Amino acid sequence: MYDNTVTDSDPRLATTSWWGALLLGVVFVAAGMFILGDVALATVISAVVIGMLLLVAGASEVVHAFSAAHWRGLTFRLLIGALYGICGAALIADPLFASVVLTLVFALGLIVSGVVRIFQAFQYWRWYGSLLLLSGVIGIVAGFVILAKWPVSGLWVLGTLVGIDLLLHGAWWMALGLQLRREPRASEP
């Protein structure tokens, strides 16, 4: 007997291509392995890339503030754009210090992401939810470990944990893709 409670409860999952999920998993695993090759460099590069993205976002916000059909909130939007730009420039100017600050933010993000994955694991237990549960628990534990060693952990932690997180999440996507390949499709309404 076929249990279709998961595919019936989430129609998007029933139409997910198995090879798309598998490919996404392979990309995550490859990215994780690449990052683990040099975690300190990955941490510094992360700070610089985030800085560049913030500069682009800040410039875009300023341009959009002037090009909008109405100028309501112009001062507020200009302030947001300027703050994005200042933060981006600071990240680029001193990526080592920025990595210490980003480590703090990342630790908090890992904890929140881990909690979300734990809830998702129980929702999708049949679809290798145990692997997603493990990923969530590791994310939460890693977040608290980072906070305990912060700020010393600022240089190497981001690269290491991003690499491990990508490996685990990629493994879940690969397992999901293989499971979807074996499952019969839900009937179309």
C-alpha atoms as a PDB file:
ATOM      1  CA  MET A   1       0.000   0.000   0.000  1.00  0.00           C
ATOM      2  CA  TYR A   2       1.305   3.443  -0.943  1.00  0.00           C
ATOM      3  CA  ASP A   3       1.298   6.101   1.755  1.00  0.00           C
ATOM      4  CA  ASN A   4       0.921   9.459   0.048  1.00  0.00           C
ATOM      5  CA  THR A   5       0.375  11.653   3.095  1.00  0.00           C
ATOM      6  CA  VAL A   6       3.471  13.756   2.393  1.00  0.00           C
ATOM      7  CA  THR A   7       2.773  14.304  -1.292  1.00  0.00           C
ATOM      8  CA  ASP A   8      -0.900  15.002  -0.578  1.00  0.00           C
ATOM      9  CA  SER A   9      -0.054  17.519   2.144  1.00  0.00           C
ATOM     10  CA  ASP A  10       2.438  19.415  -0.027  1.00  0.00           C
ATOM     11  CA  PRO A  11       1.571  19.413  -3.754  1.00  0.00           C
ATOM     12  CA  ARG A  12       4.905  21.045  -4.649  1.00  0.00           C
ATOM     13  CA  LEU A  13       6.780  18.025  -3.288  1.00  0.00           C
ATOM     14  CA  ALA A  14       4.803  15.674  -5.511  1.00  0.00           C
ATOM     15  CA  THR A  15       5.913  17.550  -8.613  1.00  0.00           C
ATOM     16  CA  THR A  16       9.550  18.013  -7.575  1.00  0.00           C
ATOM     17  CA  SER A  17      11.842  16.331 -10.056  1.00  0.00           C
ATOM     18  CA  TRP A  18      14.050  13.704  -8.489  1.00  0.00           C
ATOM     19  CA  TRP A  19      16.999  14.710 -10.612  1.00  0.00           C
ATOM     20  CA  GLY A  20      16.603  18.375  -9.665  1.00  0.00           C
ATOM     21  CA  ALA A  21      16.757  17.510  -5.966  1.00  0.00           C
ATOM     22  CA  LEU A  22      19.691  15.177  -6.567  1.00  0.00           C
ATOM     23  CA  LEU A  23      21.556  17.814  -8.598  1.00  0.00           C
ATOM     24  CA  LEU A  24      20.980  20.441  -5.913  1.00  0.00           C
ATOM     25  CA  GLY A  25      22.387  18.016  -3.343  1.00  0.00           C
ATOM     26  CA  VAL A  26      25.469  17.365  -5.463  1.00  0.00           C
ATOM     27  CA  VAL A  27      26.040  21.127  -5.852  1.00  0.00           C
ATOM     28  CA  PHE A  28      25.721  21.658  -2.077  1.00  0.00           C
ATOM     29  CA  VAL A  29      28.132  18.800  -1.315  1.00  0.00           C
ATOM     30  CA  ALA A  30      30.675  20.035  -3.885  1.00  0.00           C
ATOM     31  CA  ALA A  31      30.458  23.584  -2.504  1.00  0.00           C
ATOM     32  CA  GLY A  32      30.933  22.272   1.036  1.00  0.00           C
ATOM     33  CA  MET A  33      34.023  20.302   0.062  1.00  0.00           C
ATOM     34  CA  PHE A  34      35.481  23.313  -1.776  1.00  0.00           C
ATOM     35  CA  ILE A  35      34.979  25.569   1.242  1.00  0.00           C
ATOM     36  CA  LEU A  36      36.504  23.036   3.640  1.00  0.00           C
ATOM     37  CA  GLY A  37      39.665  23.093   1.510  1.00  0.00           C
ATOM     38  CA  ASP A  38      40.685  26.474   3.012  1.00  0.00           C
ATOM     39  CA  VAL A  39      38.370  27.680   5.746  1.00  0.00           C
ATOM     40  CA  ALA A  40      40.269  30.856   6.639  1.00  0.00           C
ATOM     41  CA  LEU A  41      40.305  32.004   3.036  1.00  0.00           C
ATOM     42  CA  ALA A  42      36.623  31.097   2.682  1.00  0.00           C
ATOM     43  CA  THR A  43      35.835  33.216   5.740  1.00  0.00           C
ATOM     44  CA  VAL A  44      37.658  36.277   4.393  1.00  0.00           C
ATOM     45  CA  ILE A  45      36.177  35.817   0.914  1.00  0.00           C
ATOM     46  CA  SER A  46      32.716  35.564   2.463  1.00  0.00           C
ATOM     47  CA  ALA A  47      33.192  38.917   4.193  1.00  0.00           C
ATOM     48  CA  VAL A  48      34.381  40.572   0.971  1.00  0.00           C
ATOM     49  CA  VAL A  49      31.563  39.092  -1.147  1.00  0.00           C
ATOM     50  CA  ILE A  50      28.931  40.117   1.378  1.00  0.00           C
ATOM     51  CA  GLY A  51      30.478  43.597   1.408  1.00  0.00           C
ATOM     52  CA  MET A  52      30.237  43.844  -2.373  1.00  0.00           C
ATOM     53  CA  LEU A  53      26.630  42.697  -2.314  1.00  0.00           C
ATOM     54  CA  LEU A  54      25.805  45.303   0.324  1.00  0.00           C
ATOM     55  CA  LEU A  55      27.422  48.019  -1.809  1.00  0.00           C
ATOM     56  CA  VAL A  56      25.306  46.980  -4.792  1.00  0.00           C
ATOM     57  CA  ALA A  57      22.180  46.827  -2.631  1.00  0.00           C
ATOM     58  CA  GLY A  58      22.899  50.253  -1.164  1.00  0.00           C
ATOM     59  CA  ALA A  59      23.478  51.836  -4.571  1.00  0.00           C
ATOM     60  CA  SER A  60      20.325  50.178  -5.902  1.00  0.00           C
ATOM     61  CA  GLU A  61      18.280  51.483  -3.008  1.00  0.00           C
ATOM     62  CA  VAL A  62      19.534  55.044  -3.572  1.00  0.00           C
ATOM     63  CA  VAL A  63      18.878  54.904  -7.332  1.00  0.00           C
ATOM     64  CA  HIS A  64      15.436  53.406  -6.783  1.00  0.00           C
ATOM     65  CA  ALA A  65      14.596  56.029  -4.181  1.00  0.00           C
ATOM     66  CA  PHE A  66      14.979  58.743  -6.817  1.00  0.00           C
ATOM     67  CA  SER A  67      13.414  56.809  -9.682  1.00  0.00           C
ATOM     68  CA  ALA A  68      10.244  55.746  -7.873  1.00  0.00           C
ATOM     69  CA  ALA A  69       6.977  57.207  -9.126  1.00  0.00           C
ATOM     70  CA  HIS A  70       6.399  58.747  -5.719  1.00  0.00           C
ATOM     71  CA  TRP A  71       9.005  60.070  -3.348  1.00  0.00           C
ATOM     72  CA  ARG A  72       7.254  58.984  -0.206  1.00  0.00           C
ATOM     73  CA  GLY A  73       9.838  57.916   2.337  1.00  0.00           C
ATOM     74  CA  LEU A  74      12.717  59.323   0.268  1.00  0.00           C
ATOM     75  CA  THR A  75      14.826  60.248   3.302  1.00  0.00           C
ATOM     76  CA  PHE A  76      14.275  56.854   4.932  1.00  0.00           C
ATOM     77  CA  ARG A  77      15.166  54.990   1.720  1.00  0.00           C
ATOM     78  CA  LEU A  78      18.280  57.100   1.211  1.00  0.00           C
ATOM     79  CA  LEU A  79      19.313  56.352   4.788  1.00  0.00           C
ATOM     80  CA  ILE A  80      18.852  52.614   4.236  1.00  0.00           C
ATOM     81  CA  GLY A  81      20.885  52.773   1.040  1.00  0.00           C
ATOM     82  CA  ALA A  82      23.648  54.714   2.792  1.00  0.00           C
ATOM     83  CA  LEU A  83      23.740  52.216   5.677  1.00  0.00           C
ATOM     84  CA  TYR A  84      24.009  49.314   3.233  1.00  0.00           C
ATOM     85  CA  GLY A  85      26.844  51.115   1.490  1.00  0.00           C
ATOM     86  CA  ILE A  86      28.687  51.932   4.725  1.00  0.00           C
ATOM     87  CA  CYS A  87      28.385  48.343   5.967  1.00  0.00           C
ATOM     88  CA  GLY A  88      29.536  47.004   2.613  1.00  0.00           C
ATOM     89  CA  ALA A  89      32.552  49.318   2.549  1.00  0.00           C
ATOM     90  CA  ALA A  90      33.446  48.327   6.119  1.00  0.00           C
ATOM     91  CA  LEU A  91      33.315  44.625   5.216  1.00  0.00           C
ATOM     92  CA  ILE A  92      35.562  45.167   2.216  1.00  0.00           C
ATOM     93  CA  ALA A  93      37.972  47.506   4.044  1.00  0.00           C
ATOM     94  CA  ASP A  94      38.642  45.128   6.966  1.00  0.00           C
ATOM     95  CA  PRO A  95      37.446  41.601   6.197  1.00  0.00           C
ATOM     96  CA  LEU A  96      39.232  40.128   9.230  1.00  0.00           C
ATOM     97  CA  PHE A  97      37.351  42.294  11.716  1.00  0.00           C
ATOM     98  CA  ALA A  98      34.219  41.884   9.657  1.00  0.00           C
ATOM     99  CA  SER A  99      34.566  38.105   9.876  1.00  0.00           C
ATOM    100  CA  VAL A 100      34.471  38.374  13.682  1.00  0.00           C
ATOM    101  CA  VAL A 101      31.214  40.340  13.499  1.00  0.00           C
ATOM    102  CA  LEU A 102      29.827  38.035  10.817  1.00  0.00           C
ATOM    103  CA  THR A 103      30.706  35.053  13.003  1.00  0.00           C
ATOM    104  CA  LEU A 104      28.398  36.383  15.691  1.00  0.00           C
ATOM    105  CA  VAL A 105      25.585  36.925  13.189  1.00  0.00           C
ATOM    106  CA  PHE A 106      26.242  33.536  11.622  1.00  0.00           C
ATOM    107  CA  ALA A 107      26.076  31.774  15.002  1.00  0.00           C
ATOM    108  CA  LEU A 108      22.667  33.282  15.637  1.00  0.00           C
ATOM    109  CA  GLY A 109      21.587  32.345  12.095  1.00  0.00           C
ATOM    110  CA  LEU A 110      22.705  28.745  12.594  1.00  0.00           C
ATOM    111  CA  ILE A 111      20.627  28.460  15.725  1.00  0.00           C
ATOM    112  CA  VAL A 112      17.495  29.804  14.015  1.00  0.00           C
ATOM    113  CA  SER A 113      18.085  27.690  10.889  1.00  0.00           C
ATOM    114  CA  GLY A 114      18.611  24.606  13.034  1.00  0.00           C
ATOM    115  CA  VAL A 115      15.310  25.124  14.825  1.00  0.00           C
ATOM    116  CA  VAL A 116      13.511  25.502  11.481  1.00  0.00           C
ATOM    117  CA  ARG A 117      15.116  22.317  10.120  1.00  0.00           C
ATOM    118  CA  ILE A 118      14.090  20.384  13.214  1.00  0.00           C
ATOM    119  CA  PHE A 119      10.455  21.382  12.664  1.00  0.00           C
ATOM    120  CA  GLN A 120      10.768  20.472   8.960  1.00  0.00           C
ATOM    121  CA  ALA A 121      12.299  17.116   9.860  1.00  0.00           C
ATOM    122  CA  PHE A 122       9.161  16.038  11.695  1.00  0.00           C
ATOM    123  CA  GLN A 123       6.950  17.366   8.924  1.00  0.00           C
ATOM    124  CA  TYR A 124       8.889  15.357   6.309  1.00  0.00           C
ATOM    125  CA  TRP A 125      10.031  12.461   8.510  1.00  0.00           C
ATOM    126  CA  ARG A 126       9.290   9.861   5.862  1.00  0.00           C
ATOM    127  CA  TRP A 127      11.505  11.742   3.393  1.00  0.00           C
ATOM    128  CA  TYR A 128      14.750  11.253   5.332  1.00  0.00           C
ATOM    129  CA  GLY A 129      13.647  13.602   8.038  1.00  0.00           C
ATOM    130  CA  SER A 130      16.145  11.993  10.390  1.00  0.00           C
ATOM    131  CA  LEU A 131      18.981  13.426   8.295  1.00  0.00           C
ATOM    132  CA  LEU A 132      17.307  16.840   8.338  1.00  0.00           C
ATOM    133  CA  LEU A 133      16.861  16.494  12.118  1.00  0.00           C
ATOM    134  CA  LEU A 134      20.567  15.720  12.498  1.00  0.00           C
ATOM    135  CA  SER A 135      21.414  18.735  10.335  1.00  0.00           C
ATOM    136  CA  GLY A 136      19.233  20.964  12.518  1.00  0.00           C
ATOM    137  CA  VAL A 137      20.686  19.684  15.791  1.00  0.00           C
ATOM    138  CA  ILE A 138      24.234  20.129  14.494  1.00  0.00           C
ATOM    139  CA  GLY A 139      23.361  23.665  13.378  1.00  0.00           C
ATOM    140  CA  ILE A 140      22.055  24.574  16.827  1.00  0.00           C
ATOM    141  CA  VAL A 141      25.012  22.999  18.653  1.00  0.00           C
ATOM    142  CA  ALA A 142      27.471  24.667  16.280  1.00  0.00           C
ATOM    143  CA  GLY A 143      25.809  28.032  16.842  1.00  0.00           C
ATOM    144  CA  PHE A 144      26.207  27.729  20.606  1.00  0.00           C
ATOM    145  CA  VAL A 145      29.817  26.492  20.283  1.00  0.00           C
ATOM    146  CA  ILE A 146      30.642  29.538  18.153  1.00  0.00           C
ATOM    147  CA  LEU A 147      29.059  31.854  20.688  1.00  0.00           C
ATOM    148  CA  ALA A 148      31.070  30.198  23.478  1.00  0.00           C
ATOM    149  CA  LYS A 149      34.405  30.728  21.630  1.00  0.00           C
ATOM    150  CA  TRP A 150      33.572  34.101  20.108  1.00  0.00           C
ATOM    151  CA  PRO A 151      35.438  36.388  19.133  1.00  0.00           C
ATOM    152  CA  VAL A 152      38.531  34.150  18.812  1.00  0.00           C
ATOM    153  CA  SER A 153      36.662  31.797  16.496  1.00  0.00           C
ATOM    154  CA  GLY A 154      36.025  34.626  14.044  1.00  0.00           C
ATOM    155  CA  LEU A 155      38.526  33.695  11.361  1.00  0.00           C
ATOM    156  CA  TRP A 156      38.068  29.977  10.821  1.00  0.00           C
ATOM    157  CA  VAL A 157      34.578  29.270  12.058  1.00  0.00           C
ATOM    158  CA  LEU A 158      32.533  30.693   9.197  1.00  0.00           C
ATOM    159  CA  GLY A 159      34.319  28.663   6.544  1.00  0.00           C
ATOM    160  CA  THR A 160      34.287  25.444   8.558  1.00  0.00           C
ATOM    161  CA  LEU A 161      30.650  25.569   9.530  1.00  0.00           C
ATOM    162  CA  VAL A 162      29.397  26.728   6.165  1.00  0.00           C
ATOM    163  CA  GLY A 163      31.268  23.801   4.599  1.00  0.00           C
ATOM    164  CA  ILE A 164      29.866  21.257   7.055  1.00  0.00           C
ATOM    165  CA  ASP A 165      26.373  22.720   6.832  1.00  0.00           C
ATOM    166  CA  LEU A 166      26.452  22.538   3.026  1.00  0.00           C
ATOM    167  CA  LEU A 167      27.649  18.919   3.157  1.00  0.00           C
ATOM    168  CA  LEU A 168      24.841  17.846   5.489  1.00  0.00           C
ATOM    169  CA  HIS A 169      22.107  19.770   3.724  1.00  0.00           C
ATOM    170  CA  GLY A 170      23.382  18.515   0.382  1.00  0.00           C
ATOM    171  CA  ALA A 171      23.261  14.935   1.655  1.00  0.00           C
ATOM    172  CA  TRP A 172      19.602  15.448   2.598  1.00  0.00           C
ATOM    173  CA  TRP A 173      18.758  16.821  -0.868  1.00  0.00           C
ATOM    174  CA  MET A 174      20.517  13.881  -2.506  1.00  0.00           C
ATOM    175  CA  ALA A 175      18.642  11.405  -0.314  1.00  0.00           C
ATOM    176  CA  LEU A 176      15.368  13.166  -1.110  1.00  0.00           C
ATOM    177  CA  GLY A 177      16.108  13.008  -4.842  1.00  0.00           C
ATOM    178  CA  LEU A 178      16.796   9.277  -4.658  1.00  0.00           C
ATOM    179  CA  GLN A 179      13.614   8.730  -2.631  1.00  0.00           C
ATOM    180  CA  LEU A 180      11.551  10.730  -5.134  1.00  0.00           C
ATOM    181  CA  ARG A 181      12.978   8.600  -7.931  1.00  0.00           C
ATOM    182  CA  ARG A 182      11.714   5.440  -6.214  1.00  0.00           C
ATOM    183  CA  GLU A 183       8.280   6.848  -5.275  1.00  0.00           C
ATOM    184  CA  PRO A 184       5.359   6.678  -7.713  1.00  0.00           C
ATOM    185  CA  ARG A 185       3.971  10.077  -8.647  1.00  0.00           C
ATOM    186  CA  ALA A 186       0.860  11.253  -6.933  1.00  0.00           C
ATOM    187  CA  SER A 187      -2.153  11.252  -9.192  1.00  0.00           C
ATOM    188  CA  GLU A 188      -2.981  14.604 -10.719  1.00  0.00           C
ATOM    189  CA  PRO A 189      -6.334  16.106  -9.598  1.00  0.00           C
END
